[in-house]
Each structure stands twice: as structure tokens, then as C-alpha cells.
Amino acid sequence: MDKALRSLVDWYAKVGVDVPDLAPSVPPRKKRRTLTPPAPAAAKPTRPKPQEDLPLPNSDIIAKAAKTLDELRAAMQTFDAGTLSDGARQAVFARGNPEADLMVIGEAPGRDEDIQGKPFIGQSGQLLDHMLAAIGLGKENFYVTNLVNWRPPKNRNPKPEEIEMCRPFLDRHVELAKPKVILLVGGVSMTALTGMTGIMKNHGQWQDIEIGGGTLPALPLYHPAFLLRQPALKKDAWRDLLSLRAKLETL
């Protein structure tokens, strides 16, 4: 009931006028609140996708600029090889006699090589030295390097793009050292430099490879680490080594 009307009825009652009972006052109904629809939830920011491998730096220009083996070594020590150099202690360059007729090209450094900065110095390297010594080759008779010069993470095989990045360094290395014969140690090196796959069927077969601006005879050989796990194959490796010695004797 309206407040003014209630006041008037109460006054009549006080002065003795009979008034009917009135219904209790009903509080006015509250206006219904208009609910504002909730604002749409802000879209969750999308996480950026993992960064793709960035384009590898141009090793070709850097390698060609080296005029000597010492300059090439120094250039590689300061070269940013991406995830390879990020996870490695140093670039592993070479060991042996750079004036030797025989150049041995392995796959990639392992833990021991990464620590000492020289290729093939671990257990498999010791076996390689013994194998070459068995055909009359001392450490002054060969020069050893790798296809890839930084230790891959967790000793995995190098990726094709990593091999491609390191190839100019290898080409320049061969060009400056001027070997006459190449020994390809392991299936990764064989495939990268000959295009053939399957070291089991292609070991011991001489190939002419384009490297260092020229063509050189190259012999694929089982990797010593593989021979340590498969000693029964050492007899095959021995025949391949005899073929290597015969080739060197013709020079």
C-alpha cells in the first residue's frame, strides 16, 4: 500500500472513524536484474611452436678463405655449427702426418675425441692404428680426420644437413693436405662421399670420389667400433687392408 494512504487511514482510526482492515503493505517488487552475458573467455595464447632449425651458417665461404691447414683449424674452432658446436667442447680437426699419401676419413668424434680434440683416439681409434700397423703403416704414414668435426649429441649419427654443413671444411681439408688415397671408415662416411648404401656389401670396393676439387681413389672399410662388436668380420677387413696396401705400393 502507498505510504501516504496508510498514514491517512491511521489518522482516521485515531479520531474514531471506523475504517476497514487493509491488506498488509507489500513491498514493491524489485526490478529483475538483467544479467549481462559473461564476456567470452579470452583465447589462451597459443604456445609458439618449437623453433625450427635455423639455416646453417655458410661454411663454404669460411672454408675457402683458409690458405693453410692451421688457418682452417682456427676457422673451425670459432665456427658456429649450431646444435653440433653447442653440445661439443671443441672442433675435432685431425691427427697424423698431413703430408702422408693416405687420408683416413671417419664419421664423427666420440666422447674421447671431443675431450682431447683429436679423431680416433679411443678404443676404436687404437684398433684402427693396429689395423694400419698390420700392413706396415705407422702414424707418419697416414692422416686422420672426420666427415663431421663436432661430436653429435649423445653420439648419434650426424644428420644430412650437418654433413652438408661440414662438407666444405672436408673438401678444403683434402685440398690443402693433398692426399693420394682416401680410406672411408664406416658406413656414414661411405654413403656421404660415394652415394652408396650398405657397408656390408660395399666394403673393400674401390671407388673414385669427387673431393677437394679433384678425383681420388677411395676404399670403404668397416668402422673399428663395428669390428669390436663383430670380431668375426675382421677377416674381411684384413682383405680390405691388403687391397689398401697394394694400392699404396703403386704410388
Foldseek 3Di string as FASTA:
>chain_A
DDPVVVVVVVVCVVVPHDDDDDDDDDPDDDDDDDDDPDDPDDDDDDDDDPDDDDDFDQVQVCLVVDPALVSLQVSQQPGCGDQQVVPAQGFQFKDFALQAQEEEEEFEADDVCRVVSYHLPPPLSVVVQVLLVVLPDHRNRYMYDYLAGGQHPPNDGDDPSRSVNSQSSFQSSCLNSVHQEYEYEDQNSCCVFPVDGDCPPQALPWDWTCGNNRTHIYGYAYRSVVCVVVVVCVVVRNVSSVVVSVVVVVD
